[in-house]
Amino acid sequence: YLNVGSMWLAANMVVSSFAIGALALPVYNLGFVDAILTLIFF
């Protein structure tokens, strides 16, 4: 079962995921806490 999780662990442990979080301020003008809560929920 570890093979299933490691597949997606590697695929998302990348700088593309960083780029999504980095959109919060310059594109959507969000603060820190509201951006974090949005990340968790969606």
All heavy atoms as atom14 arrays in JSON, in Angstrom:
{
  "sequence": "YLNVGSMWLAANMVVSSFAIGALALPVYNLGFVDAILTLIFF",
  "atom14_mask": [
    [1, 1, 1, 1, 1, 1, 1, 1, 1, 1, 1, 1, 0, 0],
    [1, 1, 1, 1, 1, 1, 1, 1, 0, 0, 0, 0, 0, 0],
    [1, 1, 1, 1, 1, 1, 1, 1, 0, 0, 0, 0, 0, 0],
    [1, 1, 1, 1, 1, 1, 1, 0, 0, 0, 0, 0, 0, 0],
    [1, 1, 1, 1, 0, 0, 0, 0, 0, 0, 0, 0, 0, 0],
    [1, 1, 1, 1, 1, 1, 0, 0, 0, 0, 0, 0, 0, 0],
    [1, 1, 1, 1, 1, 1, 1, 1, 0, 0, 0, 0, 0, 0],
    [1, 1, 1, 1, 1, 1, 1, 1, 1, 1, 1, 1, 1, 1],
    [1, 1, 1, 1, 1, 1, 1, 1, 0, 0, 0, 0, 0, 0],
    [1, 1, 1, 1, 1, 0, 0, 0, 0, 0, 0, 0, 0, 0],
    [1, 1, 1, 1, 1, 0, 0, 0, 0, 0, 0, 0, 0, 0],
    [1, 1, 1, 1, 1, 1, 1, 1, 0, 0, 0, 0, 0, 0],
    [1, 1, 1, 1, 1, 1, 1, 1, 0, 0, 0, 0, 0, 0],
    [1, 1, 1, 1, 1, 1, 1, 0, 0, 0, 0, 0, 0, 0],
    [1, 1, 1, 1, 1, 1, 1, 0, 0, 0, 0, 0, 0, 0],
    [1, 1, 1, 1, 1, 1, 0, 0, 0, 0, 0, 0, 0, 0],
    [1, 1, 1, 1, 1, 1, 0, 0, 0, 0, 0, 0, 0, 0],
    [1, 1, 1, 1, 1, 1, 1, 1, 1, 1, 1, 0, 0, 0],
    [1, 1, 1, 1, 1, 0, 0, 0, 0, 0, 0, 0, 0, 0],
    [1, 1, 1, 1, 1, 1, 1, 1, 0, 0, 0, 0, 0, 0],
    [1, 1, 1, 1, 0, 0, 0, 0, 0, 0, 0, 0, 0, 0],
    [1, 1, 1, 1, 1, 0, 0, 0, 0, 0, 0, 0, 0, 0],
    [1, 1, 1, 1, 1, 1, 1, 1, 0, 0, 0, 0, 0, 0],
    [1, 1, 1, 1, 1, 0, 0, 0, 0, 0, 0, 0, 0, 0],
    [1, 1, 1, 1, 1, 1, 1, 1, 0, 0, 0, 0, 0, 0],
    [1, 1, 1, 1, 1, 1, 1, 0, 0, 0, 0, 0, 0, 0],
    [1, 1, 1, 1, 1, 1, 1, 0, 0, 0, 0, 0, 0, 0],
    [1, 1, 1, 1, 1, 1, 1, 1, 1, 1, 1, 1, 0, 0],
    [1, 1, 1, 1, 1, 1, 1, 1, 0, 0, 0, 0, 0, 0],
    [1, 1, 1, 1, 1, 1, 1, 1, 0, 0, 0, 0, 0, 0],
    [1, 1, 1, 1, 0, 0, 0, 0, 0, 0, 0, 0, 0, 0],
    [1, 1, 1, 1, 1, 1, 1, 1, 1, 1, 1, 0, 0, 0],
    [1, 1, 1, 1, 1, 1, 1, 0, 0, 0, 0, 0, 0, 0],
    [1, 1, 1, 1, 1, 1, 1, 1, 0, 0, 0, 0, 0, 0],
    [1, 1, 1, 1, 1, 0, 0, 0, 0, 0, 0, 0, 0, 0],
    [1, 1, 1, 1, 1, 1, 1, 1, 0, 0, 0, 0, 0, 0],
    [1, 1, 1, 1, 1, 1, 1, 1, 0, 0, 0, 0, 0, 0],
    [1, 1, 1, 1, 1, 1, 1, 0, 0, 0, 0, 0, 0, 0],
    [1, 1, 1, 1, 1, 1, 1, 1, 0, 0, 0, 0, 0, 0],
    [1, 1, 1, 1, 1, 1, 1, 1, 0, 0, 0, 0, 0, 0],
    [1, 1, 1, 1, 1, 1, 1, 1, 1, 1, 1, 0, 0, 0],
    [1, 1, 1, 1, 1, 1, 1, 1, 1, 1, 1, 0, 0, 0]
  ],
  "atom14_positions": [
    [[0.83, -1.2, 0.0], [0.0, 0.0, 0.0], [0.87, 1.26, 0.0], [0.41, 2.33, -0.42], [-0.92, 0.01, 1.22], [-1.95, -1.08, 1.21], [-1.89, -2.14, 2.11], [-3.0, -1.05, 0.3], [-2.84, -3.14, 2.1], [-3.96, -2.05, 0.28], [-3.87, -3.1, 1.18], [-4.82, -4.1, 1.16], [0.0, 0.0, 0.0], [0.0, 0.0, 0.0]],
    [[2.1, 1.15, 0.44], [3.0, 2.3, 0.43], [3.3, 2.77, -0.98], [3.56, 3.95, -1.2], [4.31, 1.95, 1.14], [4.24, 1.77, 2.66], [5.6, 1.36, 3.19], [3.76, 3.04, 3.34], [0.0, 0.0, 0.0], [0.0, 0.0, 0.0], [0.0, 0.0, 0.0], [0.0, 0.0, 0.0], [0.0, 0.0, 0.0], [0.0, 0.0, 0.0]],
    [[3.25, 1.85, -1.94], [3.52, 2.24, -3.31], [2.49, 3.23, -3.84], [2.8, 4.07, -4.68], [3.54, 1.0, -4.21], [4.7, 0.08, -3.91], [5.61, 0.45, -3.18], [4.65, -1.13, -4.44], [0.0, 0.0, 0.0], [0.0, 0.0, 0.0], [0.0, 0.0, 0.0], [0.0, 0.0, 0.0], [0.0, 0.0, 0.0], [0.0, 0.0, 0.0]],
    [[1.26, 3.1, -3.35], [0.2, 4.02, -3.79], [0.48, 5.42, -3.25], [0.47, 6.41, -4.0], [-1.18, 3.53, -3.29], [-2.28, 4.5, -3.74], [-1.45, 2.13, -3.8], [0.0, 0.0, 0.0], [0.0, 0.0, 0.0], [0.0, 0.0, 0.0], [0.0, 0.0, 0.0], [0.0, 0.0, 0.0], [0.0, 0.0, 0.0], [0.0, 0.0, 0.0]],
    [[0.76, 5.52, -1.96], [0.99, 6.83, -1.36], [2.26, 7.5, -1.84], [2.28, 8.71, -2.07], [0.0, 0.0, 0.0], [0.0, 0.0, 0.0], [0.0, 0.0, 0.0], [0.0, 0.0, 0.0], [0.0, 0.0, 0.0], [0.0, 0.0, 0.0], [0.0, 0.0, 0.0], [0.0, 0.0, 0.0], [0.0, 0.0, 0.0], [0.0, 0.0, 0.0]],
    [[3.34, 6.71, -2.02], [4.61, 7.3, -2.45], [4.51, 7.88, -3.85], [5.21, 8.84, -4.18], [5.73, 6.27, -2.38], [5.5, 5.2, -3.28], [0.0, 0.0, 0.0], [0.0, 0.0, 0.0], [0.0, 0.0, 0.0], [0.0, 0.0, 0.0], [0.0, 0.0, 0.0], [0.0, 0.0, 0.0], [0.0, 0.0, 0.0], [0.0, 0.0, 0.0]],
    [[3.64, 7.31, -4.67], [3.45, 7.83, -6.03], [3.01, 9.29, -5.98], [3.57, 10.17, -6.65], [2.39, 6.98, -6.74], [2.04, 7.46, -8.13], [3.34, 7.09, -9.31], [2.87, 8.23, -10.62], [0.0, 0.0, 0.0], [0.0, 0.0, 0.0], [0.0, 0.0, 0.0], [0.0, 0.0, 0.0], [0.0, 0.0, 0.0], [0.0, 0.0, 0.0]],
    [[2.02, 9.58, -5.15], [1.48, 10.94, -5.09], [2.28, 11.84, -4.16], [2.28, 13.06, -4.32], [0.01, 10.89, -4.67], [-0.79, 10.03, -5.59], [-1.46, 8.89, -5.29], [-0.98, 10.24, -6.99], [-2.06, 8.37, -6.4], [-1.78, 9.18, -7.46], [-0.55, 11.21, -7.89], [-2.16, 9.06, -8.8], [-0.91, 11.1, -9.23], [-1.71, 10.04, -9.67]],
    [[2.98, 11.24, -3.21], [3.87, 12.03, -2.36], [4.95, 12.69, -3.2], [5.23, 13.89, -3.07], [4.51, 11.12, -1.3], [5.51, 11.78, -0.35], [4.83, 12.82, 0.51], [6.18, 10.72, 0.52], [0.0, 0.0, 0.0], [0.0, 0.0, 0.0], [0.0, 0.0, 0.0], [0.0, 0.0, 0.0], [0.0, 0.0, 0.0], [0.0, 0.0, 0.0]],
    [[5.56, 11.93, -4.09], [6.62, 12.47, -4.96], [6.05, 13.44, -5.98], [6.64, 14.49, -6.26], [7.35, 11.33, -5.66], [0.0, 0.0, 0.0], [0.0, 0.0, 0.0], [0.0, 0.0, 0.0], [0.0, 0.0, 0.0], [0.0, 0.0, 0.0], [0.0, 0.0, 0.0], [0.0, 0.0, 0.0], [0.0, 0.0, 0.0], [0.0, 0.0, 0.0]],
    [[4.88, 13.1, -6.55], [4.31, 13.93, -7.61], [3.9, 15.31, -7.12], [3.81, 16.25, -7.91], [3.1, 13.22, -8.23], [0.0, 0.0, 0.0], [0.0, 0.0, 0.0], [0.0, 0.0, 0.0], [0.0, 0.0, 0.0], [0.0, 0.0, 0.0], [0.0, 0.0, 0.0], [0.0, 0.0, 0.0], [0.0, 0.0, 0.0], [0.0, 0.0, 0.0]],
    [[3.65, 15.45, -5.81], [3.23, 16.74, -5.27], [4.29, 17.42, -4.41], [4.14, 18.59, -4.07], [1.95, 16.56, -4.44], [0.75, 16.22, -5.3], [0.16, 17.07, -5.96], [0.4, 14.95, -5.33], [0.0, 0.0, 0.0], [0.0, 0.0, 0.0], [0.0, 0.0, 0.0], [0.0, 0.0, 0.0], [0.0, 0.0, 0.0], [0.0, 0.0, 0.0]],
    [[5.38, 16.7, -4.08], [6.49, 17.3, -3.34], [7.41, 18.01, -4.34], [8.59, 17.69, -4.5], [7.24, 16.22, -2.57], [8.31, 16.76, -1.63], [7.64, 17.59, -0.17], [6.98, 16.18, 0.73], [0.0, 0.0, 0.0], [0.0, 0.0, 0.0], [0.0, 0.0, 0.0], [0.0, 0.0, 0.0], [0.0, 0.0, 0.0], [0.0, 0.0, 0.0]],
    [[6.84, 18.99, -5.02], [7.55, 19.65, -6.12], [7.28, 21.16, -6.08], [6.39, 21.63, -5.37], [7.11, 19.09, -7.49], [7.51, 17.63, -7.64], [5.6, 19.23, -7.67], [0.0, 0.0, 0.0], [0.0, 0.0, 0.0], [0.0, 0.0, 0.0], [0.0, 0.0, 0.0], [0.0, 0.0, 0.0], [0.0, 0.0, 0.0], [0.0, 0.0, 0.0]],
    [[8.04, 21.88, -6.87], [7.93, 23.33, -6.85], [6.63, 23.81, -7.5], [6.23, 24.96, -7.29], [9.17, 23.95, -7.54], [9.11, 23.76, -9.04], [9.34, 25.41, -7.17], [0.0, 0.0, 0.0], [0.0, 0.0, 0.0], [0.0, 0.0, 0.0], [0.0, 0.0, 0.0], [0.0, 0.0, 0.0], [0.0, 0.0, 0.0], [0.0, 0.0, 0.0]],
    [[5.96, 22.96, -8.27], [4.65, 23.34, -8.82], [3.65, 23.61, -7.7], [2.82, 24.51, -7.8], [4.11, 22.23, -9.73], [4.87, 22.11, -10.89], [0.0, 0.0, 0.0], [0.0, 0.0, 0.0], [0.0, 0.0, 0.0], [0.0, 0.0, 0.0], [0.0, 0.0, 0.0], [0.0, 0.0, 0.0], [0.0, 0.0, 0.0], [0.0, 0.0, 0.0]],
    [[3.71, 22.81, -6.64], [2.83, 23.04, -5.49], [3.14, 24.38, -4.84], [2.24, 25.11, -4.4], [3.0, 21.91, -4.48], [2.69, 20.66, -5.06], [0.0, 0.0, 0.0], [0.0, 0.0, 0.0], [0.0, 0.0, 0.0], [0.0, 0.0, 0.0], [0.0, 0.0, 0.0], [0.0, 0.0, 0.0], [0.0, 0.0, 0.0], [0.0, 0.0, 0.0]],
    [[4.42, 24.72, -4.77], [4.83, 26.03, -4.26], [4.2, 27.14, -5.09], [3.74, 28.16, -4.57], [6.35, 26.14, -4.29], [6.89, 27.45, -3.79], [7.25, 27.61, -2.46], [7.04, 28.54, -4.65], [7.74, 28.83, -2.0], [7.53, 29.75, -4.21], [7.88, 29.9, -2.87], [0.0, 0.0, 0.0], [0.0, 0.0, 0.0], [0.0, 0.0, 0.0]],
    [[4.2, 26.95, -6.41], [3.66, 27.97, -7.32], [2.18, 28.23, -7.07], [1.71, 29.36, -7.23], [3.89, 27.56, -8.76], [0.0, 0.0, 0.0], [0.0, 0.0, 0.0], [0.0, 0.0, 0.0], [0.0, 0.0, 0.0], [0.0, 0.0, 0.0], [0.0, 0.0, 0.0], [0.0, 0.0, 0.0], [0.0, 0.0, 0.0], [0.0, 0.0, 0.0]],
    [[1.43, 27.18, -6.71], [0.01, 27.37, -6.42], [-0.17, 28.25, -5.19], [-0.95, 29.21, -5.19], [-0.68, 26.01, -6.21], [-0.64, 25.2, -7.51], [-2.12, 26.2, -5.75], [-1.37, 25.82, -8.66], [0.0, 0.0, 0.0], [0.0, 0.0, 0.0], [0.0, 0.0, 0.0], [0.0, 0.0, 0.0], [0.0, 0.0, 0.0], [0.0, 0.0, 0.0]],
    [[0.55, 27.94, -4.13], [0.46, 28.78, -2.93], [0.92, 30.2, -3.18], [0.37, 31.15, -2.62], [0.0, 0.0, 0.0], [0.0, 0.0, 0.0], [0.0, 0.0, 0.0], [0.0, 0.0, 0.0], [0.0, 0.0, 0.0], [0.0, 0.0, 0.0], [0.0, 0.0, 0.0], [0.0, 0.0, 0.0], [0.0, 0.0, 0.0], [0.0, 0.0, 0.0]],
    [[1.92, 30.33, -4.06], [2.46, 31.66, -4.35], [1.49, 32.55, -5.1], [1.69, 33.77, -5.19], [3.76, 31.52, -5.15], [0.0, 0.0, 0.0], [0.0, 0.0, 0.0], [0.0, 0.0, 0.0], [0.0, 0.0, 0.0], [0.0, 0.0, 0.0], [0.0, 0.0, 0.0], [0.0, 0.0, 0.0], [0.0, 0.0, 0.0], [0.0, 0.0, 0.0]],
    [[0.42, 31.99, -5.65], [-0.58, 32.8, -6.36], [-1.45, 33.62, -5.41], [-2.08, 34.59, -5.83], [-1.49, 31.89, -7.21], [-0.89, 31.19, -8.43], [-1.92, 30.26, -9.04], [-0.4, 32.19, -9.46], [0.0, 0.0, 0.0], [0.0, 0.0, 0.0], [0.0, 0.0, 0.0], [0.0, 0.0, 0.0], [0.0, 0.0, 0.0], [0.0, 0.0, 0.0]],
    [[-1.52, 33.21, -4.16], [-2.49, 33.8, -3.23], [-2.35, 35.31, -3.12], [-3.34, 36.05, -3.13], [-2.34, 33.15, -1.85], [0.0, 0.0, 0.0], [0.0, 0.0, 0.0], [0.0, 0.0, 0.0], [0.0, 0.0, 0.0], [0.0, 0.0, 0.0], [0.0, 0.0, 0.0], [0.0, 0.0, 0.0], [0.0, 0.0, 0.0], [0.0, 0.0, 0.0]],
    [[-1.1, 35.8, -3.01], [-0.9, 37.24, -2.81], [-0.92, 38.03, -4.11], [-1.74, 38.96, -4.26], [0.41, 37.48, -2.06], [0.81, 38.95, -1.87], [-0.27, 39.69, -1.07], [2.16, 39.04, -1.17], [0.0, 0.0, 0.0], [0.0, 0.0, 0.0], [0.0, 0.0, 0.0], [0.0, 0.0, 0.0], [0.0, 0.0, 0.0], [0.0, 0.0, 0.0]],
    [[-0.06, 37.72, -5.1], [0.0, 38.59, -6.28], [-1.22, 38.52, -7.18], [-1.56, 39.5, -7.85], [1.26, 38.1, -7.01], [1.42, 36.68, -6.58], [0.93, 36.63, -5.17], [0.0, 0.0, 0.0], [0.0, 0.0, 0.0], [0.0, 0.0, 0.0], [0.0, 0.0, 0.0], [0.0, 0.0, 0.0], [0.0, 0.0, 0.0], [0.0, 0.0, 0.0]],
    [[-1.9, 37.37, -7.22], [-3.04, 37.21, -8.12], [-4.37, 37.45, -7.42], [-5.26, 38.11, -7.96], [-3.02, 35.8, -8.78], [-4.26, 35.6, -9.65], [-1.75, 35.62, -9.6], [0.0, 0.0, 0.0], [0.0, 0.0, 0.0], [0.0, 0.0, 0.0], [0.0, 0.0, 0.0], [0.0, 0.0, 0.0], [0.0, 0.0, 0.0], [0.0, 0.0, 0.0]],
    [[-4.51, 36.97, -6.19], [-5.8, 37.03, -5.49], [-5.82, 38.0, -4.32], [-6.85, 38.18, -3.68], [-6.2, 35.63, -5.02], [-6.32, 34.65, -6.16], [-5.31, 33.73, -6.42], [-7.43, 34.66, -6.99], [-5.4, 32.84, -7.47], [-7.55, 33.77, -8.04], [-6.52, 32.86, -8.28], [-6.62, 31.98, -9.33], [0.0, 0.0, 0.0], [0.0, 0.0, 0.0]],
    [[-4.67, 38.6, -4.01], [-4.58, 39.63, -2.98], [-5.12, 39.16, -1.63], [-5.82, 39.88, -0.92], [-5.34, 40.9, -3.43], [-4.96, 42.11, -2.6], [-3.82, 42.22, -2.13], [-5.89, 43.02, -2.43], [0.0, 0.0, 0.0], [0.0, 0.0, 0.0], [0.0, 0.0, 0.0], [0.0, 0.0, 0.0], [0.0, 0.0, 0.0], [0.0, 0.0, 0.0]],
    [[-4.74, 37.95, -1.25], [-5.18, 37.39, 0.02], [-4.12, 37.6, 1.09], [-2.92, 37.69, 0.8], [-5.47, 35.89, -0.12], [-6.71, 35.51, -0.93], [-6.79, 34.0, -1.09], [-7.98, 36.04, -0.26], [0.0, 0.0, 0.0], [0.0, 0.0, 0.0], [0.0, 0.0, 0.0], [0.0, 0.0, 0.0], [0.0, 0.0, 0.0], [0.0, 0.0, 0.0]],
    [[-4.54, 37.65, 2.35], [-3.61, 37.69, 3.46], [-3.07, 36.31, 3.76], [-3.33, 35.35, 3.04], [0.0, 0.0, 0.0], [0.0, 0.0, 0.0], [0.0, 0.0, 0.0], [0.0, 0.0, 0.0], [0.0, 0.0, 0.0], [0.0, 0.0, 0.0], [0.0, 0.0, 0.0], [0.0, 0.0, 0.0], [0.0, 0.0, 0.0], [0.0, 0.0, 0.0]],
    [[-2.34, 36.19, 4.86], [-1.7, 34.91, 5.18], [-2.7, 33.9, 5.73], [-2.83, 32.79, 5.21], [-0.57, 35.12, 6.19], [0.09, 33.85, 6.61], [0.92, 33.15, 5.74], [-0.13, 33.32, 7.89], [1.52, 31.96, 6.12], [0.47, 32.13, 8.28], [1.3, 31.46, 7.39], [0.0, 0.0, 0.0], [0.0, 0.0, 0.0], [0.0, 0.0, 0.0]],
    [[-3.44, 34.25, 6.76], [-4.34, 33.3, 7.41], [-5.47, 32.87, 6.48], [-5.81, 31.68, 6.39], [-4.9, 33.89, 8.71], [-5.95, 32.96, 9.32], [-3.78, 34.14, 9.71], [0.0, 0.0, 0.0], [0.0, 0.0, 0.0], [0.0, 0.0, 0.0], [0.0, 0.0, 0.0], [0.0, 0.0, 0.0], [0.0, 0.0, 0.0], [0.0, 0.0, 0.0]],
    [[-6.08, 33.81, 5.77], [-7.18, 33.45, 4.88], [-6.7, 32.57, 3.73], [-7.41, 31.66, 3.28], [-7.92, 34.68, 4.37], [-7.0, 35.8, 3.94], [-5.8, 35.7, 4.2], [-7.49, 36.78, 3.35], [0.0, 0.0, 0.0], [0.0, 0.0, 0.0], [0.0, 0.0, 0.0], [0.0, 0.0, 0.0], [0.0, 0.0, 0.0], [0.0, 0.0, 0.0]],
    [[-5.48, 32.81, 3.25], [-4.93, 31.95, 2.2], [-4.69, 30.53, 2.72], [-4.99, 29.55, 2.03], [-3.62, 32.54, 1.67], [0.0, 0.0, 0.0], [0.0, 0.0, 0.0], [0.0, 0.0, 0.0], [0.0, 0.0, 0.0], [0.0, 0.0, 0.0], [0.0, 0.0, 0.0], [0.0, 0.0, 0.0], [0.0, 0.0, 0.0], [0.0, 0.0, 0.0]],
    [[-4.18, 30.41, 3.94], [-3.93, 29.1, 4.54], [-5.23, 28.32, 4.73], [-5.32, 27.12, 4.41], [-3.19, 29.25, 5.89], [-1.79, 29.83, 5.68], [-3.12, 27.91, 6.61], [-0.88, 28.97, 4.85], [0.0, 0.0, 0.0], [0.0, 0.0, 0.0], [0.0, 0.0, 0.0], [0.0, 0.0, 0.0], [0.0, 0.0, 0.0], [0.0, 0.0, 0.0]],
    [[-6.25, 28.99, 5.24], [-7.54, 28.33, 5.44], [-8.15, 27.88, 4.12], [-8.75, 26.8, 4.02], [-8.5, 29.27, 6.18], [-8.13, 29.61, 7.62], [-9.09, 30.64, 8.19], [-8.12, 28.35, 8.49], [0.0, 0.0, 0.0], [0.0, 0.0, 0.0], [0.0, 0.0, 0.0], [0.0, 0.0, 0.0], [0.0, 0.0, 0.0], [0.0, 0.0, 0.0]],
    [[-7.99, 28.71, 3.09], [-8.48, 28.34, 1.76], [-7.77, 27.1, 1.24], [-8.38, 26.2, 0.67], [-8.29, 29.51, 0.78], [-8.94, 30.67, 1.29], [-8.87, 29.18, -0.58], [0.0, 0.0, 0.0], [0.0, 0.0, 0.0], [0.0, 0.0, 0.0], [0.0, 0.0, 0.0], [0.0, 0.0, 0.0], [0.0, 0.0, 0.0], [0.0, 0.0, 0.0]],
    [[-6.45, 27.05, 1.43], [-5.67, 25.89, 1.01], [-6.17, 24.61, 1.68], [-6.35, 23.58, 1.02], [-4.19, 26.09, 1.35], [-3.4, 27.08, 0.5], [-1.98, 27.21, 1.04], [-3.36, 26.64, -0.95], [0.0, 0.0, 0.0], [0.0, 0.0, 0.0], [0.0, 0.0, 0.0], [0.0, 0.0, 0.0], [0.0, 0.0, 0.0], [0.0, 0.0, 0.0]],
    [[-6.38, 24.68, 2.98], [-6.79, 23.48, 3.71], [-8.15, 22.98, 3.21], [-8.32, 21.79, 2.89], [-6.86, 23.77, 5.22], [-5.45, 24.06, 5.77], [-7.49, 22.6, 5.97], [-5.44, 24.53, 7.21], [0.0, 0.0, 0.0], [0.0, 0.0, 0.0], [0.0, 0.0, 0.0], [0.0, 0.0, 0.0], [0.0, 0.0, 0.0], [0.0, 0.0, 0.0]],
    [[-9.1, 23.87, 3.13], [-10.47, 23.47, 2.78], [-10.57, 22.92, 1.36], [-11.1, 21.82, 1.14], [-11.41, 24.67, 2.94], [-12.84, 24.37, 2.61], [-13.63, 23.65, 3.5], [-13.4, 24.78, 1.41], [-14.95, 23.36, 3.2], [-14.71, 24.49, 1.1], [-15.5, 23.77, 1.99], [0.0, 0.0, 0.0], [0.0, 0.0, 0.0], [0.0, 0.0, 0.0]],
    [[-10.03, 23.63, 0.38], [-10.2, 23.21, -1.01], [-9.29, 22.04, -1.39], [-9.63, 21.27, -2.28], [-9.99, 24.4, -1.95], [-11.16, 25.34, -1.97], [-11.18, 26.46, -1.14], [-12.25, 25.1, -2.79], [-12.27, 27.33, -1.14], [-13.34, 25.97, -2.8], [-13.35, 27.08, -1.97], [0.0, 0.0, 0.0], [0.0, 0.0, 0.0], [0.0, 0.0, 0.0]]
  ]
}
